[in-house]
Structures are given as structure tokens and as C-alpha cells.
PDB file of N, CA and C in Angstrom:
ATOM      1  N   MET A   1    -172.877-142.333 106.216  1.00  0.00           N
ATOM      2  CA  MET A   1    -171.400-141.549 106.943  1.00  0.00           C
ATOM      3  C   MET A   1    -170.257-142.011 106.487  1.00  0.00           C
ATOM      4  N   ALA A   2    -169.108-141.147 106.321  1.00  0.00           N
ATOM      5  CA  ALA A   2    -167.935-141.534 106.166  1.00  0.00           C
ATOM      6  C   ALA A   2    -166.957-141.370 107.153  1.00  0.00           C
ATOM      7  N   VAL A   3    -165.709-141.707 106.807  1.00  0.00           N
ATOM      8  CA  VAL A   3    -164.874-141.536 107.773  1.00  0.00           C
ATOM      9  C   VAL A   3    -163.591-140.957 107.535  1.00  0.00           C
ATOM     10  N   VAL A   4    -163.284-139.745 107.775  1.00  0.00           N
ATOM     11  CA  VAL A   4    -162.184-139.204 107.462  1.00  0.00           C
ATOM     12  C   VAL A   4    -160.907-139.015 108.416  1.00  0.00           C
ATOM     13  N   GLU A   5    -159.757-139.116 107.896  1.00  0.00           N
ATOM     14  CA  GLU A   5    -158.609-139.338 108.662  1.00  0.00           C
ATOM     15  C   GLU A   5    -158.270-137.953 108.608  1.00  0.00           C
ATOM     16  N   GLY A   6    -157.824-137.486 109.844  1.00  0.00           N
ATOM     17  CA  GLY A   6    -157.218-136.148 110.250  1.00  0.00           C
ATOM     18  C   GLY A   6    -155.466-136.450 110.339  1.00  0.00           C
ATOM     19  N   ARG A   7    -154.614-136.173 109.448  1.00  0.00           N
ATOM     20  CA  ARG A   7    -153.307-136.445 109.373  1.00  0.00           C
ATOM     21  C   ARG A   7    -152.551-135.206 109.590  1.00  0.00           C
ATOM     22  N   SER A   8    -150.842-135.350 110.387  1.00  0.00           N
ATOM     23  CA  SER A   8    -150.088-134.267 110.365  1.00  0.00           C
ATOM     24  C   SER A   8    -149.346-133.941 109.147  1.00  0.00           C
ATOM     25  N   GLU A   9    -149.254-132.428 108.938  1.00  0.00           N
ATOM     26  CA  GLU A   9    -148.479-132.325 108.073  1.00  0.00           C
ATOM     27  C   GLU A   9    -146.966-132.312 108.425  1.00  0.00           C
ATOM     28  N   VAL A  10    -146.193-132.455 109.528  1.00  0.00           N
ATOM     29  CA  VAL A  10    -144.979-132.104 109.935  1.00  0.00           C
ATOM     30  C   VAL A  10    -144.647-133.352 110.603  1.00  0.00           C
ATOM     31  N   THR A  11    -143.463-133.853 110.994  1.00  0.00           N
ATOM     32  CA  THR A  11    -142.913-134.526 112.351  1.00  0.00           C
ATOM     33  C   THR A  11    -142.376-133.674 113.394  1.00  0.00           C
ATOM     34  N   GLY A  12    -143.246-133.820 114.326  1.00  0.00           N
ATOM     35  CA  GLY A  12    -143.082-133.001 115.628  1.00  0.00           C
ATOM     36  C   GLY A  12    -143.673-133.300 116.692  1.00  0.00           C
ATOM     37  N   ASN A  13    -144.124-132.889 117.821  1.00  0.00           N
ATOM     38  CA  ASN A  13    -144.841-133.307 118.980  1.00  0.00           C
ATOM     39  C   ASN A  13    -146.082-132.611 118.989  1.00  0.00           C
ATOM     40  N   VAL A  14    -146.916-133.408 119.499  1.00  0.00           N
ATOM     41  CA  VAL A  14    -148.383-132.664 120.229  1.00  0.00           C
ATOM     42  C   VAL A  14    -148.231-131.732 121.224  1.00  0.00           C
ATOM     43  N   TRP A  15    -148.495-130.619 120.773  1.00  0.00           N
ATOM     44  CA  TRP A  15    -148.109-129.536 121.797  1.00  0.00           C
ATOM     45  C   TRP A  15    -149.642-129.364 122.975  1.00  0.00           C
ATOM     46  N   LYS A  16    -150.621-129.484 122.011  1.00  0.00           N
ATOM     47  CA  LYS A  16    -151.947-128.909 122.892  1.00  0.00           C
ATOM     48  C   LYS A  16    -153.170-129.600 122.134  1.00  0.00           C
ATOM     49  N   ILE A  17    -153.717-130.022 122.640  1.00  0.00           N
ATOM     50  CA  ILE A  17    -155.259-130.773 121.881  1.00  0.00           C
ATOM     51  C   ILE A  17    -156.295-129.752 122.327  1.00  0.00           C
ATOM     52  N   GLU A  18    -157.034-129.073 121.040  1.00  0.00           N
ATOM     53  CA  GLU A  18    -158.009-128.230 121.004  1.00  0.00           C
ATOM     54  C   GLU A  18    -159.645-129.028 121.193  1.00  0.00           C
ATOM     55  N   LYS A  19    -159.659-130.149 120.887  1.00  0.00           N
ATOM     56  CA  LYS A  19    -161.072-130.911 120.577  1.00  0.00           C
ATOM     57  C   LYS A  19    -161.080-132.184 121.416  1.00  0.00           C
ATOM     58  N   ALA A  20    -162.061-132.554 121.844  1.00  0.00           N
ATOM     59  CA  ALA A  20    -162.345-133.867 122.441  1.00  0.00           C
ATOM     60  C   ALA A  20    -163.119-134.689 121.567  1.00  0.00           C
ATOM     61  N   VAL A  21    -163.057-136.075 121.731  1.00  0.00           N
ATOM     62  CA  VAL A  21    -163.988-136.976 121.252  1.00  0.00           C
ATOM     63  C   VAL A  21    -165.341-136.668 121.293  1.00  0.00           C
ATOM     64  N   GLY A  22    -166.024-136.587 120.460  1.00  0.00           N
ATOM     65  CA  GLY A  22    -167.368-136.187 120.539  1.00  0.00           C
ATOM     66  C   GLY A  22    -168.032-135.001 120.198  1.00  0.00           C
ATOM     67  N   ASP A  23    -166.798-134.194 119.809  1.00  0.00           N
ATOM     68  CA  ASP A  23    -167.049-133.049 119.695  1.00  0.00           C
ATOM     69  C   ASP A  23    -167.471-132.580 118.543  1.00  0.00           C
ATOM     70  N   ALA A  24    -168.454-131.853 117.945  1.00  0.00           N
ATOM     71  CA  ALA A  24    -169.158-131.518 116.208  1.00  0.00           C
ATOM     72  C   ALA A  24    -167.774-130.803 116.166  1.00  0.00           C
ATOM     73  N   VAL A  25    -167.243-130.839 114.764  1.00  0.00           N
ATOM     74  CA  VAL A  25    -166.540-129.747 113.898  1.00  0.00           C
ATOM     75  C   VAL A  25    -166.860-129.622 112.959  1.00  0.00           C
ATOM     76  N   THR A  26    -166.466-128.148 112.550  1.00  0.00           N
ATOM     77  CA  THR A  26    -166.822-127.994 110.916  1.00  0.00           C
ATOM     78  C   THR A  26    -165.520-127.948 110.111  1.00  0.00           C
ATOM     79  N   ALA A  27    -165.595-127.800 108.753  1.00  0.00           N
ATOM     80  CA  ALA A  27    -164.185-127.781 108.070  1.00  0.00           C
ATOM     81  C   ALA A  27    -162.971-126.368 108.706  1.00  0.00           C
ATOM     82  N   GLU A  28    -161.915-126.810 108.789  1.00  0.00           N
ATOM     83  CA  GLU A  28    -160.955-125.809 109.047  1.00  0.00           C
ATOM     84  C   GLU A  28    -160.937-125.430 110.541  1.00  0.00           C
ATOM     85  N   ASP A  29    -161.791-126.215 111.262  1.00  0.00           N
ATOM     86  CA  ASP A  29    -161.641-126.629 112.758  1.00  0.00           C
ATOM     87  C   ASP A  29    -159.867-126.818 113.050  1.00  0.00           C
ATOM     88  N   VAL A  30    -159.511-126.228 114.088  1.00  0.00           N
ATOM     89  CA  VAL A  30    -158.554-126.858 114.866  1.00  0.00           C
ATOM     90  C   VAL A  30    -158.561-127.902 115.730  1.00  0.00           C
ATOM     91  N   VAL A  31    -157.899-128.830 115.290  1.00  0.00           N
ATOM     92  CA  VAL A  31    -158.500-130.338 116.589  1.00  0.00           C
ATOM     93  C   VAL A  31    -156.868-130.356 117.711  1.00  0.00           C
ATOM     94  N   MET A  32    -155.920-129.929 117.070  1.00  0.00           N
ATOM     95  CA  MET A  32    -154.578-130.024 117.677  1.00  0.00           C
ATOM     96  C   MET A  32    -153.675-128.858 117.084  1.00  0.00           C
ATOM     97  N   ILE A  33    -152.745-128.753 118.015  1.00  0.00           N
ATOM     98  CA  ILE A  33    -151.103-127.975 117.342  1.00  0.00           C
ATOM     99  C   ILE A  33    -150.391-128.690 117.998  1.00  0.00           C
ATOM    100  N   LEU A  34    -149.402-128.955 116.951  1.00  0.00           N
ATOM    101  CA  LEU A  34    -148.199-129.481 116.544  1.00  0.00           C
ATOM    102  C   LEU A  34    -146.902-128.356 117.248  1.00  0.00           C
ATOM    103  N   GLU A  35    -145.936-128.901 117.658  1.00  0.00           N
ATOM    104  CA  GLU A  35    -144.554-128.010 117.553  1.00  0.00           C
ATOM    105  C   GLU A  35    -143.399-128.919 116.806  1.00  0.00           C
ATOM    106  N   SER A  36    -143.191-128.209 116.092  1.00  0.00           N
ATOM    107  CA  SER A  36    -141.967-128.480 115.144  1.00  0.00           C
ATOM    108  C   SER A  36    -140.691-127.722 115.042  1.00  0.00           C
ATOM    109  N   MET A  37    -139.807-127.654 115.479  1.00  0.00           N
ATOM    110  CA  MET A  37    -138.897-126.903 115.541  1.00  0.00           C
ATOM    111  C   MET A  37    -139.006-125.258 115.740  1.00  0.00           C
ATOM    112  N   LYS A  38    -139.683-125.503 116.839  1.00  0.00           N
ATOM    113  CA  LYS A  38    -140.153-124.184 117.865  1.00  0.00           C
ATOM    114  C   LYS A  38    -141.314-123.192 116.939  1.00  0.00           C
ATOM    115  N   MET A  39    -141.725-123.780 116.020  1.00  0.00           N
ATOM    116  CA  MET A  39    -143.210-123.583 115.453  1.00  0.00           C
ATOM    117  C   MET A  39    -144.102-124.194 115.835  1.00  0.00           C
ATOM    118  N   GLU A  40    -145.707-123.510 115.859  1.00  0.00           N
ATOM    119  CA  GLU A  40    -146.751-124.114 116.048  1.00  0.00           C
ATOM    120  C   GLU A  40    -147.447-124.297 115.095  1.00  0.00           C
ATOM    121  N   ILE A  41    -147.941-125.955 114.391  1.00  0.00           N
ATOM    122  CA  ILE A  41    -148.605-126.093 113.222  1.00  0.00           C
ATOM    123  C   ILE A  41    -149.956-126.468 113.644  1.00  0.00           C
ATOM    124  N   PRO A  42    -151.218-126.154 113.253  1.00  0.00           N
ATOM    125  CA  PRO A  42    -152.257-126.468 113.463  1.00  0.00           C
ATOM    126  C   PRO A  42    -152.874-127.938 112.629  1.00  0.00           C
ATOM    127  N   VAL A  43    -153.245-128.648 113.245  1.00  0.00           N
ATOM    128  CA  VAL A  43    -153.736-130.086 112.401  1.00  0.00           C
ATOM    129  C   VAL A  43    -155.486-129.525 112.585  1.00  0.00           C
ATOM    130  N   GLU A  44    -155.878-129.187 110.884  1.00  0.00           N
ATOM    131  CA  GLU A  44    -157.305-128.477 110.859  1.00  0.00           C
ATOM    132  C   GLU A  44    -158.167-129.976 110.236  1.00  0.00           C
ATOM    133  N   THR A  45    -159.481-130.007 110.535  1.00  0.00           N
ATOM    134  CA  THR A  45    -160.223-130.927 109.843  1.00  0.00           C
ATOM    135  C   THR A  45    -160.388-130.561 108.300  1.00  0.00           C
ATOM    136  N   LEU A  46    -160.754-131.595 107.614  1.00  0.00           N
ATOM    137  CA  LEU A  46    -161.012-131.196 106.183  1.00  0.00           C
ATOM    138  C   LEU A  46    -162.259-131.215 105.740  1.00  0.00           C
ATOM    139  N   VAL A  47    -163.330-131.983 106.636  1.00  0.00           N
ATOM    140  CA  VAL A  47    -164.834-131.702 106.655  1.00  0.00           C
ATOM    141  C   VAL A  47    -165.451-131.666 107.918  1.00  0.00           C
ATOM    142  N   ALA A  48    -166.897-131.374 107.730  1.00  0.00           N
ATOM    143  CA  ALA A  48    -167.579-131.006 109.119  1.00  0.00           C
ATOM    144  C   ALA A  48    -167.688-132.471 109.331  1.00  0.00           C
ATOM    145  N   GLY A  49    -168.313-132.950 110.884  1.00  0.00           N
ATOM    146  CA  GLY A  49    -168.495-133.839 111.413  1.00  0.00           C
ATOM    147  C   GLY A  49    -168.283-133.851 112.842  1.00  0.00           C
ATOM    148  N   THR A  50    -168.026-135.157 113.246  1.00  0.00           N
ATOM    149  CA  THR A  50    -168.123-135.356 114.988  1.00  0.00           C
ATOM    150  C   THR A  50    -166.644-136.095 114.731  1.00  0.00           C
ATOM    151  N   LEU A  51    -165.919-135.623 115.881  1.00  0.00           N
ATOM    152  CA  LEU A  51    -164.582-136.198 116.136  1.00  0.00           C
ATOM    153  C   LEU A  51    -164.769-137.283 116.892  1.00  0.00           C
ATOM    154  N   LYS A  52    -164.614-138.409 116.073  1.00  0.00           N
ATOM    155  CA  LYS A  52    -164.800-140.005 116.759  1.00  0.00           C
ATOM    156  C   LYS A  52    -163.383-140.666 117.668  1.00  0.00           C
ATOM    157  N   GLU A  53    -162.250-140.188 117.210  1.00  0.00           N
ATOM    158  CA  GLU A  53    -161.334-140.607 117.994  1.00  0.00           C
ATOM    159  C   GLU A  53    -159.904-139.763 117.847  1.00  0.00           C
ATOM    160  N   LEU A  54    -159.328-139.586 118.713  1.00  0.00           N
ATOM    161  CA  LEU A  54    -158.131-139.110 118.665  1.00  0.00           C
ATOM    162  C   LEU A  54    -156.630-140.033 119.044  1.00  0.00           C
ATOM    163  N   LEU A  55    -155.700-140.294 117.991  1.00  0.00           N
ATOM    164  CA  LEU A  55    -155.206-141.389 118.165  1.00  0.00           C
ATOM    165  C   LEU A  55    -153.314-141.086 118.598  1.00  0.00           C
ATOM    166  N   VAL A  56    -153.420-139.763 119.355  1.00  0.00           N
ATOM    167  CA  VAL A  56    -152.604-139.078 120.104  1.00  0.00           C
ATOM    168  C   VAL A  56    -152.749-138.340 121.121  1.00  0.00           C
ATOM    169  N   SER A  57    -151.875-138.216 122.074  1.00  0.00           N
ATOM    170  CA  SER A  57    -152.034-137.356 123.130  1.00  0.00           C
ATOM    171  C   SER A  57    -150.936-136.432 123.194  1.00  0.00           C
ATOM    172  N   GLU A  58    -151.160-135.351 124.036  1.00  0.00           N
ATOM    173  CA  GLU A  58    -150.384-134.034 124.062  1.00  0.00           C
ATOM    174  C   GLU A  58    -148.581-134.714 124.998  1.00  0.00           C
ATOM    175  N   GLU A  59    -147.863-134.171 124.138  1.00  0.00           N
ATOM    176  CA  GLU A  59    -146.594-134.429 124.144  1.00  0.00           C
ATOM    177  C   GLU A  59    -146.053-135.472 123.316  1.00  0.00           C
ATOM    178  N   ASP A  60    -147.193-136.464 122.566  1.00  0.00           N
ATOM    179  CA  ASP A  60    -146.501-137.515 121.945  1.00  0.00           C
ATOM    180  C   ASP A  60    -145.812-137.008 120.729  1.00  0.00           C
ATOM    181  N   ALA A  61    -144.987-138.024 120.007  1.00  0.00           N
ATOM    182  CA  ALA A  61    -144.262-137.357 118.817  1.00  0.00           C
ATOM    183  C   ALA A  61    -144.822-138.095 117.908  1.00  0.00           C
ATOM    184  N   VAL A  62    -144.997-137.061 116.780  1.00  0.00           N
ATOM    185  CA  VAL A  62    -145.905-137.555 115.644  1.00  0.00           C
ATOM    186  C   VAL A  62    -144.914-137.425 114.570  1.00  0.00           C
ATOM    187  N   GLU A  63    -144.950-138.245 113.532  1.00  0.00           N
ATOM    188  CA  GLU A  63    -144.104-138.401 111.700  1.00  0.00           C
ATOM    189  C   GLU A  63    -145.481-137.709 110.980  1.00  0.00           C
ATOM    190  N   GLU A  64    -144.513-136.921 109.931  1.00  0.00           N
ATOM    191  CA  GLU A  64    -145.374-136.579 108.668  1.00  0.00           C
ATOM    192  C   GLU A  64    -145.947-137.148 108.158  1.00  0.00           C
ATOM    193  N   ASP A  65    -147.195-136.990 107.819  1.00  0.00           N
ATOM    194  CA  ASP A  65    -148.587-137.611 107.415  1.00  0.00           C
ATOM    195  C   ASP A  65    -148.972-139.084 108.460  1.00  0.00           C
ATOM    196  N   GLN A  66    -148.834-138.674 109.537  1.00  0.00           N
ATOM    197  CA  GLN A  66    -149.468-139.774 110.362  1.00  0.00           C
ATOM    198  C   GLN A  66    -150.628-139.513 110.828  1.00  0.00           C
ATOM    199  N   VAL A  67    -151.462-140.285 110.809  1.00  0.00           N
ATOM    200  CA  VAL A  67    -153.256-140.242 111.137  1.00  0.00           C
ATOM    201  C   VAL A  67    -153.278-139.509 112.666  1.00  0.00           C
ATOM    202  N   VAL A  68    -153.907-138.823 113.154  1.00  0.00           N
ATOM    203  CA  VAL A  68    -153.587-138.533 114.442  1.00  0.00           C
ATOM    204  C   VAL A  68    -155.359-138.129 115.083  1.00  0.00           C
ATOM    205  N   ALA A  69    -156.052-138.178 113.973  1.00  0.00           N
ATOM    206  CA  ALA A  69    -157.481-138.010 114.468  1.00  0.00           C
ATOM    207  C   ALA A  69    -158.388-138.705 113.197  1.00  0.00           C
ATOM    208  N   ILE A  70    -159.551-139.263 113.883  1.00  0.00           N
ATOM    209  CA  ILE A  70    -160.597-139.774 112.832  1.00  0.00           C
ATOM    210  C   ILE A  70    -161.949-138.811 113.137  1.00  0.00           C
ATOM    211  N   ILE A  71    -162.418-138.574 111.838  1.00  0.00           N
ATOM    212  CA  ILE A  71    -163.441-137.498 111.831  1.00  0.00           C
ATOM    213  C   ILE A  71    -164.713-138.521 111.174  1.00  0.00           C
ATOM    214  N   GLU A  72    -165.919-138.522 111.673  1.00  0.00           N
ATOM    215  CA  GLU A  72    -167.020-139.072 110.961  1.00  0.00           C
ATOM    216  C   GLU A  72    -167.991-137.884 110.471  1.00  0.00           C
ATOM    217  N   THR A  73    -167.978-138.122 109.035  1.00  0.00           N
ATOM    218  CA  THR A  73    -168.952-136.980 108.558  1.00  0.00           C
ATOM    219  C   THR A  73    -170.432-137.099 108.519  1.00  0.00           C
ATOM    220  N   GLU A  74    -171.345-136.115 108.649  1.00  0.00           N
ATOM    221  CA  GLU A  74    -172.401-136.250 108.556  1.00  0.00           C
ATOM    222  C   GLU A  74    -173.466-136.677 107.391  1.00  0.00           C
TER     223      GLU A  74
END
């Protein structure tokens, strides 16, 4: 098994978390939605696996390229 980091693509705020720790995910699943400059930007998984950890909560501020989730591949 390998660990893959999910990263934010923009600076903004966590608007909504779509997945919970322990959820199975497939490539391109939306884990959370960020709000930046009144736009909604999805944070998608790059690989299939299990969501092991969320490093942010709703309403948290995030920076571009910040690690926001950890996914363990199968």
C-alpha cells in the first residue's frame, strides 16, 4: 500500500467536505470543495483507495498546494 497526498490547487477556504475518513474513493472523486474569490473549486482524488485522514475542517483557510487529505491506495 502507498500513501497519496491530496492537495489544494488554490488559496481559499474549505466550503464543504464531501467524504469522510474511512470512505472508499475512486480516482477523481471530490473529497471537498474550496471557495476562492466566490468560485467553487473541487479537490479531487488522484487515485483509488481509502480516505485515511482529513487535515482540514469546513471553514478552514488553506494555501495553494497545501496537503488537505491523505489517501491510502490498495
